[in-house]
Protein backbone atom coordinates (compact mmCIF):
# COMPACT_ATOMS: atom_id res chain seq x y z
CA MET A 1 -17.85 -49.39 -8.34
CA GLU A 2 -18.49 -50.51 -11.82
CA ASN A 3 -20.89 -47.74 -12.79
CA VAL A 4 -19.23 -44.48 -11.74
CA ARG A 5 -22.11 -42.35 -13.04
CA ASP A 6 -24.70 -43.95 -10.75
CA PRO A 7 -25.39 -41.46 -7.92
CA ARG A 8 -26.62 -44.22 -5.60
CA GLU A 9 -23.08 -45.58 -5.41
CA HIS A 10 -21.60 -42.32 -4.12
CA TYR A 11 -22.08 -41.83 -0.42
CA ASN A 12 -21.40 -38.56 1.32
CA GLU A 13 -17.88 -38.84 2.75
CA GLU A 14 -17.88 -35.37 4.29
CA PRO A 15 -21.23 -34.26 5.70
CA ARG A 16 -21.98 -30.57 5.28
CA HIS A 17 -24.05 -28.33 7.51
CA ASP A 18 -25.53 -25.83 5.07
CA LEU A 19 -27.19 -23.62 7.69
CA MET A 20 -23.95 -23.30 9.67
CA ASP A 21 -22.04 -22.50 6.47
CA VAL A 22 -24.53 -19.74 5.63
CA MET A 23 -24.42 -18.38 9.19
CA PHE A 24 -20.62 -18.29 9.24
CA GLY A 25 -20.52 -16.67 5.81
CA PHE A 26 -23.12 -14.06 6.73
CA GLY A 27 -21.45 -13.34 10.07
CA GLY A 28 -18.00 -13.11 8.53
CA MET A 29 -19.15 -10.73 5.80
CA LEU A 30 -21.12 -8.65 8.32
CA GLY A 31 -18.02 -8.38 10.53
CA PHE A 32 -15.81 -7.45 7.59
CA MET A 33 -18.24 -4.78 6.38
CA THR A 34 -18.53 -3.39 9.91
CA VAL A 35 -14.74 -3.01 10.06
CA VAL A 36 -14.68 -1.36 6.62
CA PHE A 37 -17.47 1.04 7.64
CA THR A 38 -15.72 1.93 10.90
CA VAL A 39 -12.41 2.62 9.13
CA ALA A 40 -14.22 4.75 6.53
CA VAL A 41 -15.92 6.83 9.25
CA ILE A 42 -12.62 7.32 11.09
CA VAL A 43 -10.87 8.38 7.86
CA LYS A 44 -13.69 10.84 7.10
CA PHE A 45 -13.36 12.45 10.51
CA VAL A 46 -9.57 12.66 10.20
CA ILE A 47 -9.81 14.30 6.78
CA SER A 48 -12.42 16.89 7.80
């Protein structure tokens, strides 16, 4: 590796699955927000 700035010399050591990353991120955030919403509704009913 004489020319470290040449992108052709860098191969992908760890392949990424972008669609799976997006799906896990979206699902995780959706689950977290569902829990937050449920707790907020329960707290509202306890208060009133």
